Amino acid sequence: MFSLIADPWLPVIDRSGRHRKISPEQLFDNEIVELTWPRADFQGAAYQLLIGLLQTLVPPQDEEEWDEIWEQGIEPLRWQEVVKRITEAFKFSPQKPAFLQDFATLTVESSAISGLLVDAPGGNTLKLNKDHFIKRSAYQQFCPHCTAMALYTVQTNSPAAGVGYRTSMRGGGPMTTLLVPKKPDEALWRKLWLNVTPSREIWQKEQLPLIFPWLAPARSSETPKNIVTPENAHPLQAWWGMPRRIEIDFSQTVAGECDLCGETHPHLLTHIRSKNYGVQYDTWMHPVTPYRRATKDPSAPMIPLKGQPGGLAYKDWLGLVVDAEDKLNSTFPAKVVAMNPLPKLTNLWCFGYDMDNAKARCWYEHRLPLSTLPKAHQDELKNLLQQALELAASSLPLLRYALKEAWFATPKEAKGDFSFVDTAFWQQTEADFSALWQTLNQFPSAELPQARDALRLWHIAVRDYLFNTFDKQVLTNPDEVADLARILKARRALKNNFLKQKSLNVLLQLTREHKEKQDV
């Protein structure tokens, strides 16, 4: 139907503010500044698709070549020649092989094209008539351009969907972290290039089916041991995973407006065919996803981070930008973040679905600051921030339990959802932590008075939040019958428990020791 390489299908905006569509062959046009997909998940997936193209076709051999391309770009004619190497893998048509579609003809009944959307209501939701927020009739016809993007989006985020319907190589609803420039008007290709890493891997044409799995018959996971790993595929398949066996039904089309982008098209697609037991991935480390594993077991498997209810809080920042560790887990930033070549020019764009198995509960996006310090000072910064976070993490349960003690005669038996306490804590102390981060990013040592002052202000901010919140919650609710004696007892216990915390004493001792050294 069209070529995803040569035909203009990517919606963009240029420096003049004009909206238009370009092909990947036009990627190194310095006038293009941003993609403009109509959905947030499409926008994030499109970035990954184009980063994957660059990583597959023009990976720099080393940091020096990376810098050279960052400064000079790639000659458009050279890029157009290189991209032709993979044209056969990027056909979007009823003729096979076709982009991200099963190599075989699937002999199953067609279903609605809305099944390509991660947040579309599933079969059980429709059966129980629970499609209250995203209606079953909202998405019925897609233009070919949106269909191709929906196909890539569902393959790269593939959630659980019943027996044999495999999740993506990062599990269902993975978190993605991309480097983005602080300057929003940077050329699009540079925004992508920030996430390309040096590699000396050279592939030959006969390896294409190992990179793009739709160029060969599906490695069906119906056979339990037929698992795809980096060792029996190609590492670049990380960008081109195909856990779902899907085929677009090109025989059923209508004329009209696309339900996603609103554009008029004479051949809107309405149905797909889908079969279970697609590719089952194992042991992959995707370059744009952070991972964690059990702290006490270095041999434990690496688990990709996923979206969570409420989105990211500042307690999650550290593990997304540097290696971090707590009592339970060690967290490792995505490969592209760990190898960040230009920390002073970049921020971190984090996004992903919060999934409950097959149900998308919410889409979250965050922009986070990165440390601008040289790597030699980052360990000290990390240690100070870790101490600050431990104080927050150990103080929150004290507040939660103090409120239960004030509200209930038997607090240990109190039932109900107290997650609102946690959510409010992380949200309402974020500005204080951000101020701490900014100071320590300039003065990353407890030997420096600016750092000690910032840590002291952080300790006071956490303490004040606990007691102000306690007082507001238990003394100002007109619907509560207050037991003043019980409240005062709970408040005294909160004070004592806060002062006894190991994390507080470690933080205070840290600043005290360095001040005493300065005074000697």
Protein backbone atom coordinates (compact mmCIF):
# COMPACT_ATOMS: atom_id res chain seq x y z
CA MET A 1 0.00 0.00 0.00
CA PHE A 2 2.94 2.34 0.75
CA SER A 3 6.61 2.37 1.76
CA LEU A 4 7.46 3.31 5.34
CA ILE A 5 10.89 4.37 4.06
CA ALA A 6 10.25 6.39 0.93
CA ASP A 7 6.70 7.74 1.33
CA PRO A 8 5.83 10.73 3.56
CA TRP A 9 3.83 9.39 6.50
CA LEU A 10 5.44 10.89 9.63
CA PRO A 11 3.57 14.00 10.85
CA VAL A 12 6.01 16.77 11.82
CA ILE A 13 6.28 20.48 12.46
CA ASP A 14 9.12 22.60 11.07
CA ARG A 15 10.81 25.78 12.29
CA SER A 16 8.31 27.98 10.47
CA GLY A 17 5.45 26.31 12.36
CA ARG A 18 4.19 24.47 9.29
CA HIS A 19 2.69 21.01 9.78
CA ARG A 20 3.47 18.44 7.10
CA LYS A 21 4.44 14.81 6.59
CA ILE A 22 7.89 13.49 5.81
CA SER A 23 9.43 10.13 5.01
CA PRO A 24 12.34 8.65 7.01
CA GLU A 25 14.51 9.49 3.98
CA GLN A 26 14.05 13.17 4.94
CA LEU A 27 15.07 12.68 8.56
CA PHE A 28 18.27 14.76 8.39
CA ASP A 29 16.46 17.93 7.37
CA ASN A 30 17.53 20.53 9.97
CA GLU A 31 14.25 22.40 9.53
CA ILE A 32 12.21 19.56 11.10
CA VAL A 33 11.94 20.06 14.86
CA GLU A 34 9.29 17.65 16.17
CA LEU A 35 6.93 14.76 15.50
CA THR A 36 3.21 15.53 15.94
CA TRP A 37 1.35 12.25 16.36
CA PRO A 38 -2.21 12.65 17.70
CA ARG A 39 -1.67 10.23 20.61
CA ALA A 40 0.98 10.31 23.35
CA ASP A 41 1.75 6.60 23.04
CA PHE A 42 2.22 6.98 19.26
CA GLN A 43 4.58 9.92 19.85
CA GLY A 44 6.74 7.88 22.23
CA ALA A 45 6.70 4.83 19.97
CA ALA A 46 7.58 6.92 16.88
CA TYR A 47 10.67 8.21 18.66
CA GLN A 48 11.72 4.63 19.37
CA LEU A 49 11.06 3.54 15.79
CA LEU A 50 13.26 6.32 14.39
CA ILE A 51 15.99 5.81 17.00
CA GLY A 52 15.89 2.14 16.02
CA LEU A 53 16.39 3.10 12.37
CA LEU A 54 19.46 5.19 13.23
CA GLN A 55 20.87 2.51 15.53
CA THR A 56 20.35 -0.14 12.85
CA LEU A 57 21.70 1.81 9.89
CA VAL A 58 24.30 4.33 11.06
CA PRO A 59 25.58 3.42 14.54
CA PRO A 60 28.72 5.39 15.38
CA GLN A 61 31.77 3.20 15.98
CA ASP A 62 32.93 5.23 18.98
CA GLU A 63 32.33 8.45 20.91
CA GLU A 64 34.45 10.45 18.50
CA GLU A 65 32.24 9.49 15.55
CA TRP A 66 29.15 10.11 17.69
CA ASP A 67 30.37 13.66 18.36
CA GLU A 68 31.19 14.22 14.71
CA ILE A 69 27.67 13.27 13.60
CA TRP A 70 26.15 15.35 16.41
CA GLU A 71 28.00 18.41 15.09
CA GLN A 72 27.68 17.82 11.36
CA GLY A 73 24.78 15.43 10.81
CA ILE A 74 24.74 12.93 7.97
CA GLU A 75 24.64 13.99 4.35
CA PRO A 76 21.04 13.47 3.12
CA LEU A 77 22.25 11.64 0.00
CA ARG A 78 24.34 9.24 2.07
CA TRP A 79 21.39 8.63 4.40
CA GLN A 80 19.04 7.95 1.50
CA GLU A 81 21.47 5.36 0.14
CA VAL A 82 21.90 3.66 3.52
CA VAL A 83 18.20 3.48 4.28
CA LYS A 84 17.53 1.62 1.03
CA ARG A 85 19.25 -1.42 2.58
CA ILE A 86 16.11 -2.18 4.60
CA THR A 87 13.36 -1.11 2.17
CA GLU A 88 12.03 -4.67 1.86
CA ALA A 89 11.32 -4.79 5.61
CA PHE A 90 9.27 -1.58 5.58
CA LYS A 91 6.50 -2.27 3.11
CA PHE A 92 3.02 -1.69 4.47
CA SER A 93 0.86 -3.73 2.12
CA PRO A 94 -1.18 -6.94 1.73
CA GLN A 95 1.80 -8.58 0.02
CA LYS A 96 4.16 -10.37 2.39
CA PRO A 97 6.57 -9.79 3.94
CA ALA A 98 4.99 -6.64 5.38
CA PHE A 99 6.05 -4.39 8.25
CA LEU A 100 5.49 -6.05 11.65
CA GLN A 101 2.87 -8.44 10.26
CA ASP A 102 2.94 -12.19 10.36
CA PHE A 103 4.82 -13.80 7.49
CA ALA A 104 1.98 -16.28 6.93
CA THR A 105 -1.67 -15.68 6.07
CA LEU A 106 -3.58 -16.04 9.33
CA THR A 107 -6.64 -18.25 8.95
CA VAL A 108 -8.69 -16.69 11.72
CA GLU A 109 -11.71 -14.41 11.81
CA SER A 110 -11.20 -10.68 11.48
CA SER A 111 -11.69 -8.42 14.47
CA ALA A 112 -12.03 -4.66 14.93
CA ILE A 113 -8.95 -2.60 14.18
CA SER A 114 -9.28 -0.95 17.60
CA GLY A 115 -7.52 -4.08 18.89
CA LEU A 116 -4.26 -2.43 17.84
CA LEU A 117 -4.64 0.21 20.55
CA VAL A 118 -3.14 -0.63 23.94
CA ASP A 119 -5.91 1.27 25.77
CA ALA A 120 -8.84 -0.08 23.73
CA PRO A 121 -11.43 -2.02 25.76
CA GLY A 122 -10.75 -5.75 25.68
CA GLY A 123 -13.15 -8.62 25.11
CA ASN A 124 -14.04 -9.11 28.78
CA THR A 125 -14.60 -5.36 29.25
CA LEU A 126 -16.99 -5.32 26.31
CA LYS A 127 -18.77 -8.45 27.51
CA LEU A 128 -19.35 -6.94 30.96
CA ASN A 129 -20.33 -3.57 29.43
CA LYS A 130 -17.61 -1.72 31.36
CA ASP A 131 -16.25 0.48 28.56
CA HIS A 132 -17.25 3.64 30.44
CA PHE A 133 -14.29 5.89 29.57
CA ILE A 134 -13.03 4.60 26.21
CA LYS A 135 -16.09 3.50 24.25
CA ARG A 136 -16.07 0.47 21.94
CA SER A 137 -17.33 2.66 19.08
CA ALA A 138 -14.67 5.40 19.43
CA TYR A 139 -12.11 3.80 17.11
CA GLN A 140 -13.47 1.99 14.07
CA GLN A 141 -11.46 3.18 11.06
CA PHE A 142 -7.77 4.12 10.76
CA CYS A 143 -5.82 5.65 7.90
CA PRO A 144 -2.82 3.56 6.75
CA HIS A 145 -0.33 5.93 8.41
CA CYS A 146 -1.98 5.69 11.84
CA THR A 147 -2.41 1.95 11.40
CA ALA A 148 1.32 1.47 10.80
CA MET A 149 2.10 3.53 13.91
CA ALA A 150 -0.49 1.68 15.99
CA LEU A 151 1.09 -1.59 14.87
CA TYR A 152 4.55 -0.53 16.04
CA THR A 153 3.14 0.89 19.29
CA VAL A 154 1.33 -2.30 20.28
CA GLN A 155 4.29 -4.51 19.37
CA THR A 156 6.74 -2.46 21.43
CA ASN A 157 4.38 -2.10 24.44
CA SER A 158 2.52 -5.39 24.04
CA PRO A 159 0.51 -6.12 27.23
CA ALA A 160 -0.92 -9.41 28.42
CA ALA A 161 -4.02 -10.33 26.44
CA GLY A 162 -4.98 -13.92 27.21
CA VAL A 163 -3.47 -17.35 26.70
CA GLY A 164 -0.53 -17.30 24.30
CA TYR A 165 -0.67 -13.57 23.60
CA ARG A 166 2.90 -12.61 24.41
CA THR A 167 4.05 -9.42 26.04
CA SER A 168 6.82 -7.28 24.60
CA MET A 169 10.45 -8.15 25.27
CA ARG A 170 10.21 -5.62 28.16
CA GLY A 171 6.95 -7.07 29.50
CA GLY A 172 3.56 -5.38 29.32
CA GLY A 173 3.53 -1.60 29.62
CA PRO A 174 7.31 -1.01 29.90
CA MET A 175 8.75 2.28 31.08
CA THR A 176 10.78 4.11 28.45
CA THR A 177 13.40 6.74 29.29
CA LEU A 178 14.80 8.87 26.47
CA LEU A 179 17.31 11.69 26.52
CA VAL A 180 15.87 14.94 25.19
CA PRO A 181 17.61 18.28 24.64
CA LYS A 182 16.82 21.18 26.94
CA LYS A 183 16.40 23.31 23.80
CA PRO A 184 12.95 22.37 22.39
CA ASP A 185 13.78 23.78 18.95
CA GLU A 186 16.68 21.38 18.40
CA ALA A 187 16.41 19.54 15.08
CA LEU A 188 14.42 16.32 15.33
CA TRP A 189 17.30 14.16 14.14
CA ARG A 190 19.45 15.48 17.01
CA LYS A 191 16.72 14.63 19.52
CA LEU A 192 16.87 11.10 18.18
CA TRP A 193 20.67 10.96 17.94
CA LEU A 194 20.99 11.58 21.71
CA ASN A 195 19.67 8.03 22.17
CA VAL A 196 21.92 6.27 19.68
CA THR A 197 24.87 4.46 21.28
CA PRO A 198 28.28 3.55 19.78
CA SER A 199 28.49 0.03 18.36
CA ARG A 200 30.92 -1.87 16.16
CA GLU A 201 28.25 -4.42 15.26
CA ILE A 202 28.10 -4.87 11.46
CA TRP A 203 25.29 -6.91 9.96
CA GLN A 204 25.00 -8.55 6.56
CA LYS A 205 21.92 -8.77 4.36
CA GLU A 206 21.36 -12.44 5.20
CA GLN A 207 20.92 -11.40 8.86
CA LEU A 208 17.91 -9.20 8.14
CA PRO A 209 15.33 -11.84 9.29
CA LEU A 210 17.15 -11.97 12.64
CA ILE A 211 16.75 -8.19 12.99
CA PHE A 212 13.26 -7.85 11.45
CA PRO A 213 11.41 -11.05 12.45
CA TRP A 214 8.52 -10.49 10.01
CA LEU A 215 10.88 -11.30 7.11
CA ALA A 216 10.67 -15.00 8.01
CA PRO A 217 8.02 -17.45 9.31
CA ALA A 218 7.06 -16.67 12.90
CA ARG A 219 9.02 -18.43 15.62
CA SER A 220 5.84 -19.50 17.33
CA SER A 221 5.97 -19.93 21.09
CA GLU A 222 3.37 -22.70 20.89
CA THR A 223 6.43 -24.92 21.28
CA PRO A 224 7.42 -24.13 24.90
CA LYS A 225 11.18 -24.12 24.30
CA ASN A 226 11.01 -21.87 21.23
CA ILE A 227 12.19 -18.74 23.07
CA VAL A 228 13.97 -15.85 21.35
CA THR A 229 17.05 -14.42 23.10
CA PRO A 230 19.80 -12.00 22.00
CA GLU A 231 21.97 -15.07 21.40
CA ASN A 232 19.69 -16.81 18.87
CA ALA A 233 18.46 -13.61 17.18
CA HIS A 234 20.29 -10.33 16.59
CA PRO A 235 20.78 -7.66 19.30
CA LEU A 236 19.15 -5.07 17.04
CA GLN A 237 15.85 -6.95 17.24
CA ALA A 238 15.48 -5.08 20.55
CA TRP A 239 14.10 -2.23 18.42
CA TRP A 240 11.95 -4.46 16.19
CA GLY A 241 10.33 -6.99 18.50
CA MET A 242 7.20 -8.78 17.26
CA PRO A 243 5.49 -10.60 20.14
CA ARG A 244 2.06 -10.40 18.46
CA ARG A 245 1.02 -12.33 15.35
CA ILE A 246 -1.05 -9.70 13.54
CA GLU A 247 -2.21 -9.24 9.98
CA ILE A 248 -3.95 -6.14 8.66
CA ASP A 249 -7.09 -6.97 6.69
CA PHE A 250 -6.62 -4.84 3.57
CA SER A 251 -9.76 -6.30 1.94
CA GLN A 252 -12.15 -4.34 4.18
CA THR A 253 -11.83 -0.58 3.73
CA VAL A 254 -14.11 2.45 3.81
CA ALA A 255 -13.80 6.09 2.77
CA GLY A 256 -14.04 8.81 5.38
CA GLU A 257 -12.13 10.40 8.25
CA CYS A 258 -9.54 8.55 10.32
CA ASP A 259 -10.75 8.16 13.92
CA LEU A 260 -7.22 8.86 15.18
CA CYS A 261 -5.81 11.78 13.18
CA GLY A 262 -9.00 13.10 11.54
CA GLU A 263 -7.57 13.08 8.02
CA THR A 264 -9.75 12.06 5.09
CA HIS A 265 -8.67 8.93 3.23
CA PRO A 266 -10.35 6.80 0.52
CA HIS A 267 -9.16 3.50 2.03
CA LEU A 268 -9.52 3.54 5.81
CA LEU A 269 -8.69 0.19 7.42
CA THR A 270 -11.27 -1.36 9.72
CA HIS A 271 -10.19 -4.91 10.61
CA ILE A 272 -7.20 -7.03 11.61
CA ARG A 273 -6.53 -10.73 12.08
CA SER A 274 -4.72 -11.77 15.23
CA LYS A 275 -3.39 -15.12 16.43
CA ASN A 276 -1.82 -16.15 19.71
CA TYR A 277 1.59 -17.77 20.33
CA GLY A 278 3.76 -15.10 18.76
CA VAL A 279 7.40 -14.60 19.68
CA GLN A 280 8.28 -15.15 23.33
CA TYR A 281 11.30 -13.07 24.37
CA ASP A 282 13.64 -13.73 27.27
CA THR A 283 16.80 -12.15 28.80
CA TRP A 284 16.67 -9.02 26.62
CA MET A 285 18.00 -5.72 28.00
CA HIS A 286 16.31 -3.00 26.01
CA PRO A 287 18.53 0.09 25.60
CA VAL A 288 15.84 2.65 26.54
CA THR A 289 14.34 0.92 29.60
CA PRO A 290 15.67 0.95 33.18
CA TYR A 291 15.93 -2.36 35.06
CA ARG A 292 16.03 -3.62 38.63
CA ARG A 293 17.00 -6.77 40.47
CA ALA A 294 17.08 -8.01 44.05
CA THR A 295 19.84 -6.25 45.98
CA LYS A 296 20.86 -9.33 47.94
CA ASP A 297 21.08 -11.60 44.89
CA PRO A 298 23.36 -10.36 42.09
CA SER A 299 22.47 -13.47 40.09
CA ALA A 300 18.74 -12.62 40.13
CA PRO A 301 17.15 -11.79 36.75
CA MET A 302 16.97 -8.18 35.62
CA ILE A 303 13.37 -6.97 35.60
CA PRO A 304 12.28 -4.03 33.40
CA LEU A 305 10.64 -1.15 35.24
CA LYS A 306 6.99 -0.52 34.41
CA GLY A 307 4.48 2.26 34.84
CA GLN A 308 2.90 2.46 38.31
CA PRO A 309 -0.32 3.98 39.70
CA GLY A 310 0.25 7.67 40.31
CA GLY A 311 3.18 7.83 37.90
CA LEU A 312 6.73 8.64 38.94
CA ALA A 313 7.58 10.39 42.18
CA TYR A 314 10.94 11.91 43.03
CA LYS A 315 11.75 8.76 45.00
CA ASP A 316 12.09 7.06 41.61
CA TRP A 317 14.38 9.65 40.02
CA LEU A 318 17.70 8.37 41.31
CA GLY A 319 17.48 4.89 39.80
CA LEU A 320 16.51 6.35 36.43
CA VAL A 321 19.60 8.54 36.12
CA VAL A 322 22.32 6.63 38.03
CA ASP A 323 22.72 3.19 39.61
CA ALA A 324 20.81 3.19 42.90
CA GLU A 325 20.19 0.71 45.69
CA ASP A 326 17.83 0.25 48.62
CA LYS A 327 17.15 -2.63 50.98
CA LEU A 328 15.11 -4.56 48.41
CA ASN A 329 16.25 -3.62 44.92
CA SER A 330 19.15 -2.31 42.88
CA THR A 331 18.00 -0.11 40.00
CA PHE A 332 19.95 0.55 36.82
CA PRO A 333 19.24 3.34 34.32
CA ALA A 334 18.65 2.58 30.66
CA LYS A 335 21.76 2.03 28.57
CA VAL A 336 21.25 5.27 26.63
CA VAL A 337 21.07 7.22 29.92
CA ALA A 338 24.13 5.56 31.45
CA MET A 339 26.12 6.49 28.33
CA ASN A 340 24.79 10.08 28.17
CA PRO A 341 27.40 12.07 26.23
CA LEU A 342 25.96 15.56 26.83
CA PRO A 343 24.50 15.74 30.37
CA LYS A 344 24.55 19.56 30.46
CA LEU A 345 22.34 19.75 27.38
CA THR A 346 19.77 17.10 28.21
CA ASN A 347 16.81 16.14 30.35
CA LEU A 348 15.13 12.77 30.75
CA TRP A 349 11.76 12.01 29.15
CA CYS A 350 10.06 9.12 30.95
CA PHE A 351 6.80 7.61 29.73
CA GLY A 352 4.69 4.48 29.66
CA TYR A 353 1.37 2.87 30.51
CA ASP A 354 0.34 1.78 33.97
CA MET A 355 -1.08 -1.63 33.11
CA ASP A 356 -3.22 -4.00 35.16
CA ASN A 357 -2.56 -7.10 33.03
CA ALA A 358 -4.47 -6.33 29.80
CA LYS A 359 -6.13 -3.16 31.13
CA ALA A 360 -4.45 0.21 30.60
CA ARG A 361 -5.20 2.28 33.68
CA CYS A 362 -3.32 5.42 32.71
CA TRP A 363 -0.58 6.86 30.50
CA TYR A 364 2.12 8.79 32.33
CA GLU A 365 4.82 11.16 31.10
CA HIS A 366 7.48 13.03 33.07
CA ARG A 367 10.45 15.25 32.26
CA LEU A 368 13.23 14.90 34.82
CA PRO A 369 16.51 16.78 35.31
CA LEU A 370 19.83 15.01 34.87
CA SER A 371 23.02 15.56 36.81
CA THR A 372 25.35 17.95 35.03
CA LEU A 373 28.35 16.89 37.11
CA PRO A 374 31.38 15.08 35.73
CA LYS A 375 31.24 11.35 36.43
CA ALA A 376 34.01 11.72 39.05
CA HIS A 377 31.62 13.65 41.34
CA GLN A 378 28.47 11.69 40.67
CA ASP A 379 29.09 9.01 43.30
CA GLU A 380 29.21 11.63 46.04
CA LEU A 381 26.05 13.27 44.72
CA LYS A 382 24.33 9.88 44.57
CA ASN A 383 25.27 9.06 48.19
CA LEU A 384 23.89 12.34 49.52
CA LEU A 385 20.66 12.01 47.55
CA GLN A 386 20.32 8.40 48.68
CA GLN A 387 20.52 9.53 52.32
CA ALA A 388 17.91 12.20 51.68
CA LEU A 389 15.56 9.70 50.02
CA GLU A 390 16.00 7.21 52.84
CA LEU A 391 14.84 9.86 55.29
CA ALA A 392 11.71 10.44 53.21
CA ALA A 393 11.03 6.74 52.71
CA SER A 394 11.38 5.90 56.42
CA SER A 395 9.36 8.94 57.58
CA LEU A 396 6.28 8.28 55.45
CA PRO A 397 5.22 5.05 57.27
CA LEU A 398 5.51 6.92 60.57
CA LEU A 399 2.97 9.48 59.39
CA ARG A 400 0.65 6.82 58.04
CA TYR A 401 0.68 4.87 61.32
CA ALA A 402 0.32 8.02 63.46
CA LEU A 403 -2.84 8.92 61.57
CA LYS A 404 -4.22 5.44 62.17
CA GLU A 405 -3.37 5.77 65.89
CA ALA A 406 -5.24 9.07 66.01
CA TRP A 407 -8.26 7.79 64.09
CA PHE A 408 -8.69 4.25 65.43
CA ALA A 409 -8.66 2.65 68.86
CA THR A 410 -6.93 -0.40 67.38
CA PRO A 411 -4.73 1.04 64.58
CA LYS A 412 -3.14 -2.29 63.64
CA GLU A 413 -6.56 -3.60 62.66
CA ALA A 414 -7.55 -0.48 60.69
CA LYS A 415 -8.79 -1.33 57.24
CA GLY A 416 -9.13 0.87 54.19
CA ASP A 417 -7.07 2.46 51.49
CA PHE A 418 -4.46 4.84 52.91
CA SER A 419 -2.59 5.32 49.62
CA PHE A 420 -3.78 8.95 49.54
CA VAL A 421 -1.31 9.64 52.38
CA ASP A 422 1.57 8.30 50.29
CA THR A 423 0.54 10.09 47.09
CA ALA A 424 0.17 13.44 48.86
CA PHE A 425 3.52 13.02 50.64
CA TRP A 426 5.51 12.45 47.46
CA GLN A 427 3.71 15.18 45.56
CA GLN A 428 3.82 17.86 48.24
CA THR A 429 7.47 17.39 49.23
CA GLU A 430 8.71 17.27 45.62
CA ALA A 431 9.49 21.00 45.44
CA ASP A 432 11.72 20.68 48.52
CA PHE A 433 13.54 17.69 47.05
CA SER A 434 13.94 19.53 43.74
CA ALA A 435 15.61 22.43 45.60
CA LEU A 436 17.92 19.92 47.34
CA TRP A 437 18.75 18.29 43.98
CA GLN A 438 19.63 21.63 42.38
CA THR A 439 21.93 22.63 45.24
CA LEU A 440 23.71 19.29 45.47
CA ASN A 441 24.12 19.24 41.71
CA GLN A 442 26.34 22.30 42.14
CA PHE A 443 27.88 21.44 45.52
CA PRO A 444 28.01 17.62 45.71
CA SER A 445 29.87 17.21 49.00
CA ALA A 446 28.93 17.40 52.67
CA GLU A 447 32.26 19.17 53.13
CA LEU A 448 30.74 22.20 51.44
CA PRO A 449 28.56 24.53 53.56
CA GLN A 450 25.99 24.93 50.75
CA ALA A 451 25.39 21.15 50.71
CA ARG A 452 25.11 20.95 54.50
CA ASP A 453 22.61 23.81 54.54
CA ALA A 454 20.56 22.12 51.82
CA LEU A 455 20.49 18.80 53.70
CA ARG A 456 19.46 20.59 56.89
CA LEU A 457 16.64 22.37 55.07
CA TRP A 458 15.53 19.00 53.64
CA HIS A 459 15.39 17.43 57.11
CA ILE A 460 13.30 20.38 58.34
CA ALA A 461 10.99 20.20 55.32
CA VAL A 462 10.26 16.49 55.91
CA ARG A 463 9.73 17.04 59.65
CA ASP A 464 7.40 20.00 59.12
CA TYR A 465 5.39 18.16 56.49
CA LEU A 466 4.77 15.24 58.87
CA PHE A 467 3.48 17.36 61.73
CA ASN A 468 1.56 19.89 59.63
CA THR A 469 -0.19 17.07 57.77
CA PHE A 470 -0.94 15.19 60.97
CA ASP A 471 -2.46 18.29 62.56
CA LYS A 472 -4.57 19.12 59.52
CA GLN A 473 -5.86 15.59 59.06
CA VAL A 474 -6.87 14.85 62.66
CA LEU A 475 -7.85 18.26 64.05
CA THR A 476 -9.67 20.03 61.22
CA ASN A 477 -12.13 17.43 59.93
CA PRO A 478 -15.64 18.46 61.04
CA ASP A 479 -16.97 15.00 60.20
CA GLU A 480 -14.67 13.32 62.74
CA VAL A 481 -15.42 12.89 66.44
CA ALA A 482 -11.94 13.60 67.82
CA ASP A 483 -10.49 11.73 70.81
CA LEU A 484 -8.04 14.41 71.95
CA ALA A 485 -6.10 12.18 74.33
CA ARG A 486 -5.58 9.59 71.61
CA ILE A 487 -4.51 12.29 69.14
CA LEU A 488 -1.93 13.77 71.53
CA LYS A 489 -0.55 10.32 72.28
CA ALA A 490 -0.23 9.61 68.54
CA ARG A 491 1.49 12.96 67.95
CA ARG A 492 4.03 12.34 70.73
CA ALA A 493 4.75 8.90 69.28
CA LEU A 494 5.24 10.44 65.83
CA LYS A 495 7.77 12.91 67.25
CA ASN A 496 9.68 10.22 69.15
CA ASN A 497 9.72 7.82 66.21
CA PHE A 498 10.87 10.53 63.82
CA LEU A 499 13.80 11.52 66.06
CA LYS A 500 14.82 7.88 66.59
CA GLN A 501 15.14 7.10 62.88
CA LYS A 502 18.46 5.72 61.78
CA SER A 503 18.16 7.59 58.46
CA LEU A 504 17.76 10.93 60.28
CA ASN A 505 20.72 10.28 62.57
CA VAL A 506 22.90 9.26 59.59
CA LEU A 507 21.98 12.46 57.75
CA LEU A 508 22.58 14.69 60.77
CA GLN A 509 25.83 12.95 61.60
CA LEU A 510 27.00 13.36 58.02
CA THR A 511 26.57 17.13 58.12
CA ARG A 512 27.83 17.41 61.72
CA GLU A 513 31.06 15.54 61.04
CA HIS A 514 31.98 17.70 58.09
CA LYS A 515 31.12 20.91 59.97
CA GLU A 516 33.36 19.86 62.85
CA LYS A 517 36.19 19.22 60.39
CA GLN A 518 35.72 22.73 59.01
CA ASP A 519 35.75 24.23 62.52
CA VAL A 520 38.96 22.52 63.63
